[in-house]
Amino acid sequence: MIKYTLILSVILLFSCKNQPTNKTKIVSKNTIIKKEKKILEKETITFPSKDNLPITADIYKIKETPITILLCHQAGYSRGEYKDSAIELNKLGYSVLAIDQRSGNTVNNINNQTVITAKTKGLGITYLDAKQDIEAAIDYLYEQNGGREILLVGSSYSASLSLLIGVNNSKVKAVVAFSPGEYFKSIDINKSISNYKKPIFVTSSKSESASVTTLVNKINPIYLTHFIPKVKGIHGSRALWKTTEGNETYWTSFNSFLSTLKTE
């Protein structure tokens, strides 16, 4: 009897250690692909923003690989913006988290659950209201991955928010900004990001490249990588989508930047 009691105790102890924190709610979980013995899993969770609004997020994880990339969507979109790009990042060896910010809607048949909940609670859903969601996600990842600095990726308005947040946030190692711009009437992005001292990758459609160049012209060039496509390109992180002409060139430049971070 003592033997069986000890076995039961060990099983219960192991189970408790592998439960998520009270702040994290697992919505769904499934294995999405197997490649070279690396199991890639997708998991939908929620965790609280700074004002306790539940943030819905998708984890695309390589087993045993810590999540070090945070993916933030553009206006009118959801975490679904990265549905395919996240898997491509998995194939490159990265575990990632794609969040729904409270300013957005639907893309790739994935609804923005965070904005739906924000509306029911009567909370603000402007671009700047979403800043706290990104900050909370950074804190969440940093805690979950054992205190490793993260790469912050933004698209359109969230690209500008990512640049703003990344300047002084010690938990952010580097920032990738797809089509950043002066999207906030009350904030001068160009001036606010002038003292960057960490790696930054910016890109956009070809037509947006001149305005992006102006936006980042005060940043020390030793920290800045600006990829200007030779093709038309497209706004935001849709540049990485397979449906975008020249997406391979965006991926090549993006991956090259990621490779430099591994050596730091």
C-alpha atoms as a PDB file:
ATOM      1  CA  MET A   1       0.000   0.000   0.000  1.00  0.00           C
ATOM      2  CA  ILE A   2       2.859   2.369   0.850  1.00  0.00           C
ATOM      3  CA  LYS A   3       4.420   1.622  -2.540  1.00  0.00           C
ATOM      4  CA  TYR A   4       1.266   2.600  -4.469  1.00  0.00           C
ATOM      5  CA  THR A   5       0.836   5.754  -2.330  1.00  0.00           C
ATOM      6  CA  LEU A   6       4.377   6.892  -3.205  1.00  0.00           C
ATOM      7  CA  ILE A   7       3.795   6.285  -6.935  1.00  0.00           C
ATOM      8  CA  LEU A   8       0.557   8.288  -6.845  1.00  0.00           C
ATOM      9  CA  SER A   9       2.291  11.143  -5.034  1.00  0.00           C
ATOM     10  CA  VAL A  10       5.047  11.326  -7.679  1.00  0.00           C
ATOM     11  CA  ILE A  11       2.475  11.398 -10.501  1.00  0.00           C
ATOM     12  CA  LEU A  12       0.501  14.194  -8.817  1.00  0.00           C
ATOM     13  CA  LEU A  13       3.675  16.222  -8.169  1.00  0.00           C
ATOM     14  CA  PHE A  14       4.779  15.929 -11.808  1.00  0.00           C
ATOM     15  CA  SER A  15       1.337  16.973 -13.041  1.00  0.00           C
ATOM     16  CA  CYS A  16       1.311  20.082 -10.849  1.00  0.00           C
ATOM     17  CA  LYS A  17       4.715  21.207 -12.124  1.00  0.00           C
ATOM     18  CA  ASN A  18       3.516  21.080 -15.714  1.00  0.00           C
ATOM     19  CA  GLN A  19       0.315  23.083 -15.290  1.00  0.00           C
ATOM     20  CA  PRO A  20       0.136  26.628 -16.771  1.00  0.00           C
ATOM     21  CA  THR A  21       0.126  29.599 -14.414  1.00  0.00           C
ATOM     22  CA  ASN A  22      -3.222  30.893 -13.190  1.00  0.00           C
ATOM     23  CA  LYS A  23      -2.860  33.894 -15.469  1.00  0.00           C
ATOM     24  CA  THR A  24      -2.569  31.756 -18.595  1.00  0.00           C
ATOM     25  CA  LYS A  25      -5.548  29.964 -20.092  1.00  0.00           C
ATOM     26  CA  ILE A  26      -5.026  27.319 -22.765  1.00  0.00           C
ATOM     27  CA  VAL A  27      -7.817  27.557 -25.343  1.00  0.00           C
ATOM     28  CA  SER A  28      -6.673  24.856 -27.756  1.00  0.00           C
ATOM     29  CA  LYS A  29      -3.604  22.806 -28.606  1.00  0.00           C
ATOM     30  CA  ASN A  30      -2.577  20.588 -31.503  1.00  0.00           C
ATOM     31  CA  THR A  31       0.492  19.267 -33.298  1.00  0.00           C
ATOM     32  CA  ILE A  32       0.738  20.892 -36.727  1.00  0.00           C
ATOM     33  CA  ILE A  33       3.799  19.350 -38.390  1.00  0.00           C
ATOM     34  CA  LYS A  34       6.789  17.045 -37.929  1.00  0.00           C
ATOM     35  CA  LYS A  35      10.116  17.882 -39.541  1.00  0.00           C
ATOM     36  CA  GLU A  36      13.525  16.378 -38.850  1.00  0.00           C
ATOM     37  CA  LYS A  37      12.277  14.942 -35.554  1.00  0.00           C
ATOM     38  CA  LYS A  38      11.283  18.427 -34.355  1.00  0.00           C
ATOM     39  CA  ILE A  39       7.650  18.501 -33.259  1.00  0.00           C
ATOM     40  CA  LEU A  40       5.950  21.778 -34.103  1.00  0.00           C
ATOM     41  CA  GLU A  41       2.896  22.596 -32.031  1.00  0.00           C
ATOM     42  CA  LYS A  42       0.241  25.279 -32.216  1.00  0.00           C
ATOM     43  CA  GLU A  43      -1.472  26.347 -29.018  1.00  0.00           C
ATOM     44  CA  THR A  44      -4.041  29.103 -28.488  1.00  0.00           C
ATOM     45  CA  ILE A  45      -3.898  30.766 -25.074  1.00  0.00           C
ATOM     46  CA  THR A  46      -5.029  33.879 -23.245  1.00  0.00           C
ATOM     47  CA  PHE A  47      -3.134  35.978 -20.718  1.00  0.00           C
ATOM     48  CA  PRO A  48      -3.921  39.384 -19.165  1.00  0.00           C
ATOM     49  CA  SER A  49      -2.973  42.748 -20.588  1.00  0.00           C
ATOM     50  CA  LYS A  50      -1.874  45.562 -18.287  1.00  0.00           C
ATOM     51  CA  ASP A  51      -5.512  46.361 -17.486  1.00  0.00           C
ATOM     52  CA  ASN A  52      -6.408  42.649 -17.176  1.00  0.00           C
ATOM     53  CA  LEU A  53      -8.128  42.450 -20.572  1.00  0.00           C
ATOM     54  CA  PRO A  54      -7.571  38.871 -21.828  1.00  0.00           C
ATOM     55  CA  ILE A  55      -5.171  38.806 -24.787  1.00  0.00           C
ATOM     56  CA  THR A  56      -5.717  35.899 -27.167  1.00  0.00           C
ATOM     57  CA  ALA A  57      -2.535  34.543 -28.727  1.00  0.00           C
ATOM     58  CA  ASP A  58      -1.269  31.648 -30.830  1.00  0.00           C
ATOM     59  CA  ILE A  59       1.934  29.882 -29.863  1.00  0.00           C
ATOM     60  CA  TYR A  60       3.822  28.189 -32.703  1.00  0.00           C
ATOM     61  CA  LYS A  61       6.455  26.225 -30.871  1.00  0.00           C
ATOM     62  CA  ILE A  62       9.270  23.851 -31.636  1.00  0.00           C
ATOM     63  CA  LYS A  63       9.390  21.409 -28.744  1.00  0.00           C
ATOM     64  CA  GLU A  64      12.083  22.339 -26.192  1.00  0.00           C
ATOM     65  CA  THR A  65      12.828  25.643 -28.004  1.00  0.00           C
ATOM     66  CA  PRO A  66      12.029  28.790 -25.973  1.00  0.00           C
ATOM     67  CA  ILE A  67       9.736  31.393 -27.527  1.00  0.00           C
ATOM     68  CA  THR A  68      11.860  34.398 -28.449  1.00  0.00           C
ATOM     69  CA  ILE A  69       9.829  36.169 -31.177  1.00  0.00           C
ATOM     70  CA  LEU A  70       6.666  38.201 -30.588  1.00  0.00           C
ATOM     71  CA  LEU A  71       4.505  38.895 -33.659  1.00  0.00           C
ATOM     72  CA  CYS A  72       2.107  41.887 -33.699  1.00  0.00           C
ATOM     73  CA  HIS A  73      -0.454  42.512 -36.456  1.00  0.00           C
ATOM     74  CA  GLN A  74      -1.525  45.544 -38.489  1.00  0.00           C
ATOM     75  CA  ALA A  75      -4.726  47.608 -38.394  1.00  0.00           C
ATOM     76  CA  GLY A  76      -7.965  45.741 -38.998  1.00  0.00           C
ATOM     77  CA  TYR A  77      -6.248  42.371 -38.593  1.00  0.00           C
ATOM     78  CA  SER A  78      -5.683  39.629 -36.027  1.00  0.00           C
ATOM     79  CA  ARG A  79      -3.017  37.113 -35.061  1.00  0.00           C
ATOM     80  CA  GLY A  80      -4.083  35.350 -38.265  1.00  0.00           C
ATOM     81  CA  GLU A  81      -1.785  37.715 -40.167  1.00  0.00           C
ATOM     82  CA  TYR A  82       1.052  35.369 -39.169  1.00  0.00           C
ATOM     83  CA  LYS A  83      -0.750  32.050 -39.702  1.00  0.00           C
ATOM     84  CA  ASP A  84       1.722  30.927 -42.375  1.00  0.00           C
ATOM     85  CA  SER A  85       4.690  33.172 -41.575  1.00  0.00           C
ATOM     86  CA  ALA A  86       4.878  31.739 -38.054  1.00  0.00           C
ATOM     87  CA  ILE A  87       5.280  28.218 -39.422  1.00  0.00           C
ATOM     88  CA  GLU A  88       8.037  29.426 -41.745  1.00  0.00           C
ATOM     89  CA  LEU A  89       9.810  30.905 -38.714  1.00  0.00           C
ATOM     90  CA  ASN A  90       9.427  27.523 -36.993  1.00  0.00           C
ATOM     91  CA  LYS A  91      11.196  25.938 -39.957  1.00  0.00           C
ATOM     92  CA  LEU A  92      14.025  28.420 -39.460  1.00  0.00           C
ATOM     93  CA  GLY A  93      14.345  27.237 -35.860  1.00  0.00           C
ATOM     94  CA  TYR A  94      12.310  29.813 -33.916  1.00  0.00           C
ATOM     95  CA  SER A  95       9.370  29.418 -31.543  1.00  0.00           C
ATOM     96  CA  VAL A  96       7.010  32.389 -31.799  1.00  0.00           C
ATOM     97  CA  LEU A  97       3.933  34.002 -30.254  1.00  0.00           C
ATOM     98  CA  ALA A  98       1.355  35.882 -32.386  1.00  0.00           C
ATOM     99  CA  ILE A  99      -1.089  38.072 -30.445  1.00  0.00           C
ATOM    100  CA  ASP A 100      -4.446  39.744 -30.988  1.00  0.00           C
ATOM    101  CA  GLN A 101      -4.144  43.412 -30.011  1.00  0.00           C
ATOM    102  CA  ARG A 102      -7.293  45.296 -28.989  1.00  0.00           C
ATOM    103  CA  SER A 103      -7.151  47.350 -32.188  1.00  0.00           C
ATOM    104  CA  GLY A 104      -7.933  45.074 -35.130  1.00  0.00           C
ATOM    105  CA  ASN A 105     -10.498  42.763 -36.706  1.00  0.00           C
ATOM    106  CA  THR A 106     -10.290  39.610 -38.845  1.00  0.00           C
ATOM    107  CA  VAL A 107      -7.837  38.142 -41.342  1.00  0.00           C
ATOM    108  CA  ASN A 108      -7.306  34.678 -42.815  1.00  0.00           C
ATOM    109  CA  ASN A 109     -10.585  33.564 -41.211  1.00  0.00           C
ATOM    110  CA  ILE A 110      -9.219  34.224 -37.721  1.00  0.00           C
ATOM    111  CA  ASN A 111     -11.188  36.700 -35.612  1.00  0.00           C
ATOM    112  CA  ASN A 112      -9.478  39.118 -33.268  1.00  0.00           C
ATOM    113  CA  GLN A 113     -10.785  37.858 -29.920  1.00  0.00           C
ATOM    114  CA  THR A 114      -9.021  40.558 -27.898  1.00  0.00           C
ATOM    115  CA  VAL A 115     -10.863  43.393 -29.632  1.00  0.00           C
ATOM    116  CA  ILE A 116     -14.175  41.522 -29.330  1.00  0.00           C
ATOM    117  CA  THR A 117     -13.687  41.277 -25.567  1.00  0.00           C
ATOM    118  CA  ALA A 118     -12.484  44.885 -25.326  1.00  0.00           C
ATOM    119  CA  LYS A 119     -15.670  46.102 -26.998  1.00  0.00           C
ATOM    120  CA  THR A 120     -17.886  44.110 -24.627  1.00  0.00           C
ATOM    121  CA  LYS A 121     -16.042  45.710 -21.693  1.00  0.00           C
ATOM    122  CA  GLY A 122     -16.290  49.216 -23.148  1.00  0.00           C
ATOM    123  CA  LEU A 123     -12.519  49.625 -23.390  1.00  0.00           C
ATOM    124  CA  GLY A 124     -10.670  51.806 -25.888  1.00  0.00           C
ATOM    125  CA  ILE A 125      -9.615  50.147 -29.136  1.00  0.00           C
ATOM    126  CA  THR A 126      -7.363  52.776 -30.722  1.00  0.00           C
ATOM    127  CA  TYR A 127      -3.819  52.119 -31.930  1.00  0.00           C
ATOM    128  CA  LEU A 128      -2.342  53.634 -28.779  1.00  0.00           C
ATOM    129  CA  ASP A 129      -4.738  51.660 -26.575  1.00  0.00           C
ATOM    130  CA  ALA A 130      -3.074  48.533 -27.989  1.00  0.00           C
ATOM    131  CA  LYS A 131       0.372  49.564 -26.741  1.00  0.00           C
ATOM    132  CA  GLN A 132      -0.282  48.006 -23.342  1.00  0.00           C
ATOM    133  CA  ASP A 133      -1.160  44.683 -25.016  1.00  0.00           C
ATOM    134  CA  ILE A 134       2.239  44.511 -26.694  1.00  0.00           C
ATOM    135  CA  GLU A 135       3.992  45.503 -23.464  1.00  0.00           C
ATOM    136  CA  ALA A 136       2.098  42.821 -21.532  1.00  0.00           C
ATOM    137  CA  ALA A 137       3.003  40.227 -24.175  1.00  0.00           C
ATOM    138  CA  ILE A 138       6.689  41.140 -23.869  1.00  0.00           C
ATOM    139  CA  ASP A 139       6.513  40.678 -20.106  1.00  0.00           C
ATOM    140  CA  TYR A 140       4.665  37.380 -20.524  1.00  0.00           C
ATOM    141  CA  LEU A 141       7.209  35.957 -22.979  1.00  0.00           C
ATOM    142  CA  TYR A 142      10.159  37.131 -20.913  1.00  0.00           C
ATOM    143  CA  GLU A 143       8.768  35.350 -17.875  1.00  0.00           C
ATOM    144  CA  GLN A 144       7.852  32.195 -19.784  1.00  0.00           C
ATOM    145  CA  ASN A 145      11.162  31.778 -21.606  1.00  0.00           C
ATOM    146  CA  GLY A 146      13.399  32.090 -18.563  1.00  0.00           C
ATOM    147  CA  GLY A 147      14.402  35.725 -18.907  1.00  0.00           C
ATOM    148  CA  ARG A 148      15.662  35.648 -22.496  1.00  0.00           C
ATOM    149  CA  GLU A 149      15.444  38.892 -24.449  1.00  0.00           C
ATOM    150  CA  ILE A 150      12.964  38.770 -27.305  1.00  0.00           C
ATOM    151  CA  LEU A 151      12.704  39.938 -30.891  1.00  0.00           C
ATOM    152  CA  LEU A 152       9.711  42.241 -31.306  1.00  0.00           C
ATOM    153  CA  VAL A 153       8.029  42.189 -34.734  1.00  0.00           C
ATOM    154  CA  GLY A 154       5.408  44.750 -35.736  1.00  0.00           C
ATOM    155  CA  SER A 155       3.293  45.400 -38.828  1.00  0.00           C
ATOM    156  CA  SER A 156       2.015  48.852 -39.836  1.00  0.00           C
ATOM    157  CA  TYR A 157       0.693  50.624 -36.699  1.00  0.00           C
ATOM    158  CA  SER A 158       2.144  47.904 -34.474  1.00  0.00           C
ATOM    159  CA  ALA A 159       5.497  48.370 -36.229  1.00  0.00           C
ATOM    160  CA  SER A 160       5.516  51.958 -34.976  1.00  0.00           C
ATOM    161  CA  LEU A 161       4.404  50.838 -31.511  1.00  0.00           C
ATOM    162  CA  SER A 162       7.164  48.217 -31.519  1.00  0.00           C
ATOM    163  CA  LEU A 163       9.771  50.852 -32.351  1.00  0.00           C
ATOM    164  CA  LEU A 164       8.450  53.096 -29.561  1.00  0.00           C
ATOM    165  CA  ILE A 165       8.397  50.284 -27.007  1.00  0.00           C
ATOM    166  CA  GLY A 166      11.743  48.818 -27.990  1.00  0.00           C
ATOM    167  CA  VAL A 167      13.794  51.966 -27.382  1.00  0.00           C
ATOM    168  CA  ASN A 168      13.995  51.631 -23.603  1.00  0.00           C
ATOM    169  CA  ASN A 169      12.652  48.135 -22.924  1.00  0.00           C
ATOM    170  CA  SER A 170      15.521  45.968 -21.671  1.00  0.00           C
ATOM    171  CA  LYS A 171      13.526  42.796 -22.433  1.00  0.00           C
ATOM    172  CA  VAL A 172      13.593  43.575 -26.173  1.00  0.00           C
ATOM    173  CA  LYS A 173      16.795  42.542 -27.922  1.00  0.00           C
ATOM    174  CA  ALA A 174      15.882  43.832 -31.382  1.00  0.00           C
ATOM    175  CA  VAL A 175      12.948  45.154 -33.393  1.00  0.00           C
ATOM    176  CA  VAL A 176      11.607  44.271 -36.827  1.00  0.00           C
ATOM    177  CA  ALA A 177       9.202  46.829 -38.305  1.00  0.00           C
ATOM    178  CA  PHE A 178       7.161  46.149 -41.439  1.00  0.00           C
ATOM    179  CA  SER A 179       5.843  49.463 -42.849  1.00  0.00           C
ATOM    180  CA  PRO A 180       6.222  51.698 -39.785  1.00  0.00           C
ATOM    181  CA  GLY A 181       4.997  55.278 -40.059  1.00  0.00           C
ATOM    182  CA  GLU A 182       3.859  58.401 -38.244  1.00  0.00           C
ATOM    183  CA  TYR A 183       0.486  56.912 -37.312  1.00  0.00           C
ATOM    184  CA  PHE A 184      -0.080  58.773 -34.017  1.00  0.00           C
ATOM    185  CA  LYS A 185      -1.035  62.442 -33.911  1.00  0.00           C
ATOM    186  CA  SER A 186       0.314  62.915 -30.392  1.00  0.00           C
ATOM    187  CA  ILE A 187       3.712  61.226 -30.914  1.00  0.00           C
ATOM    188  CA  ASP A 188       6.641  62.091 -33.173  1.00  0.00           C
ATOM    189  CA  ILE A 189       8.029  58.630 -34.000  1.00  0.00           C
ATOM    190  CA  ASN A 190      11.089  59.983 -35.818  1.00  0.00           C
ATOM    191  CA  LYS A 191      12.173  61.927 -32.756  1.00  0.00           C
ATOM    192  CA  SER A 192      11.152  59.257 -30.237  1.00  0.00           C
ATOM    193  CA  ILE A 193      13.308  56.531 -31.815  1.00  0.00           C
ATOM    194  CA  SER A 194      16.389  58.648 -32.528  1.00  0.00           C
ATOM    195  CA  ASN A 195      18.462  57.219 -29.657  1.00  0.00           C
ATOM    196  CA  TYR A 196      18.199  53.517 -30.530  1.00  0.00           C
ATOM    197  CA  LYS A 197      21.122  51.383 -29.451  1.00  0.00           C
ATOM    198  CA  LYS A 198      19.943  47.940 -30.465  1.00  0.00           C
ATOM    199  CA  PRO A 199      19.480  46.192 -33.832  1.00  0.00           C
ATOM    200  CA  ILE A 200      16.539  47.298 -35.986  1.00  0.00           C
ATOM    201  CA  PHE A 201      15.253  45.858 -39.261  1.00  0.00           C
ATOM    202  CA  VAL A 202      12.771  47.941 -41.269  1.00  0.00           C
ATOM    203  CA  THR A 203      11.108  47.283 -44.583  1.00  0.00           C
ATOM    204  CA  SER A 204       7.948  48.127 -46.505  1.00  0.00           C
ATOM    205  CA  SER A 205       6.508  48.196 -49.991  1.00  0.00           C
ATOM    206  CA  LYS A 206       8.686  49.937 -52.562  1.00  0.00           C
ATOM    207  CA  SER A 207       6.361  52.966 -52.660  1.00  0.00           C
ATOM    208  CA  GLU A 208       6.607  53.380 -48.873  1.00  0.00           C
ATOM    209  CA  SER A 209      10.406  53.131 -48.753  1.00  0.00           C
ATOM    210  CA  ALA A 210      11.064  56.879 -48.985  1.00  0.00           C
ATOM    211  CA  SER A 211       8.797  57.684 -46.028  1.00  0.00           C
ATOM    212  CA  VAL A 212      10.322  54.837 -44.009  1.00  0.00           C
ATOM    213  CA  THR A 213      13.796  56.179 -44.789  1.00  0.00           C
ATOM    214  CA  THR A 214      12.719  59.555 -43.408  1.00  0.00           C
ATOM    215  CA  LEU A 215      11.159  57.935 -40.346  1.00  0.00           C
ATOM    216  CA  VAL A 216      14.416  56.224 -39.300  1.00  0.00           C
ATOM    217  CA  ASN A 217      16.920  58.841 -40.500  1.00  0.00           C
ATOM    218  CA  LYS A 218      17.974  59.835 -36.982  1.00  0.00           C
ATOM    219  CA  ILE A 219      18.933  56.286 -35.948  1.00  0.00           C
ATOM    220  CA  ASN A 220      22.650  55.479 -35.928  1.00  0.00           C
ATOM    221  CA  PRO A 221      23.276  53.446 -39.118  1.00  0.00           C
ATOM    222  CA  ILE A 222      25.305  50.833 -37.222  1.00  0.00           C
ATOM    223  CA  TYR A 223      22.061  49.626 -35.635  1.00  0.00           C
ATOM    224  CA  LEU A 224      19.852  49.892 -38.706  1.00  0.00           C
ATOM    225  CA  THR A 225      19.079  47.443 -41.514  1.00  0.00           C
ATOM    226  CA  HIS A 226      16.676  48.831 -44.121  1.00  0.00           C
ATOM    227  CA  PHE A 227      15.555  46.438 -46.846  1.00  0.00           C
ATOM    228  CA  ILE A 228      14.090  48.203 -49.884  1.00  0.00           C
ATOM    229  CA  PRO A 229      12.467  45.760 -52.314  1.00  0.00           C
ATOM    230  CA  LYS A 230      13.146  45.958 -56.030  1.00  0.00           C
ATOM    231  CA  VAL A 231       9.611  44.729 -56.712  1.00  0.00           C
ATOM    232  CA  LYS A 232       6.347  46.493 -55.811  1.00  0.00           C
ATOM    233  CA  GLY A 233       6.020  44.697 -52.492  1.00  0.00           C
ATOM    234  CA  ILE A 234       3.127  45.299 -50.128  1.00  0.00           C
ATOM    235  CA  HIS A 235       2.197  47.037 -46.876  1.00  0.00           C
ATOM    236  CA  GLY A 236       3.030  45.361 -43.562  1.00  0.00           C
ATOM    237  CA  SER A 237       4.121  41.804 -42.850  1.00  0.00           C
ATOM    238  CA  ARG A 238       1.995  40.602 -45.768  1.00  0.00           C
ATOM    239  CA  ALA A 239       5.310  41.065 -47.579  1.00  0.00           C
ATOM    240  CA  LEU A 240       6.164  37.607 -46.207  1.00  0.00           C
ATOM    241  CA  TRP A 241       3.016  35.943 -47.553  1.00  0.00           C
ATOM    242  CA  LYS A 242       3.472  33.500 -50.423  1.00  0.00           C
ATOM    243  CA  THR A 243       0.878  35.467 -52.403  1.00  0.00           C
ATOM    244  CA  THR A 244       3.118  38.567 -52.401  1.00  0.00           C
ATOM    245  CA  GLU A 245       5.396  39.021 -55.394  1.00  0.00           C
ATOM    246  CA  GLY A 246       9.002  38.973 -54.234  1.00  0.00           C
ATOM    247  CA  ASN A 247       8.229  37.487 -50.824  1.00  0.00           C
ATOM    248  CA  GLU A 248      11.374  35.372 -51.179  1.00  0.00           C
ATOM    249  CA  THR A 249      13.545  38.498 -51.177  1.00  0.00           C
ATOM    250  CA  TYR A 250      11.861  39.770 -48.027  1.00  0.00           C
ATOM    251  CA  TRP A 251      12.438  36.395 -46.363  1.00  0.00           C
ATOM    252  CA  THR A 252      16.087  36.314 -47.412  1.00  0.00           C
ATOM    253  CA  SER A 253      16.765  39.744 -45.942  1.00  0.00           C
ATOM    254  CA  PHE A 254      14.715  39.038 -42.798  1.00  0.00           C
ATOM    255  CA  ASN A 255      16.479  35.720 -42.205  1.00  0.00           C
ATOM    256  CA  SER A 256      19.856  37.348 -42.747  1.00  0.00           C
ATOM    257  CA  PHE A 257      19.005  39.848 -40.006  1.00  0.00           C
ATOM    258  CA  LEU A 258      17.859  37.046 -37.693  1.00  0.00           C
ATOM    259  CA  SER A 259      21.167  35.264 -38.267  1.00  0.00           C
ATOM    260  CA  THR A 260      23.122  38.307 -37.064  1.00  0.00           C
ATOM    261  CA  LEU A 261      21.221  38.217 -33.758  1.00  0.00           C
ATOM    262  CA  LYS A 262      22.349  34.632 -33.120  1.00  0.00           C
ATOM    263  CA  THR A 263      25.983  35.727 -33.121  1.00  0.00           C
ATOM    264  CA  GLU A 264      25.532  38.519 -30.568  1.00  0.00           C
END
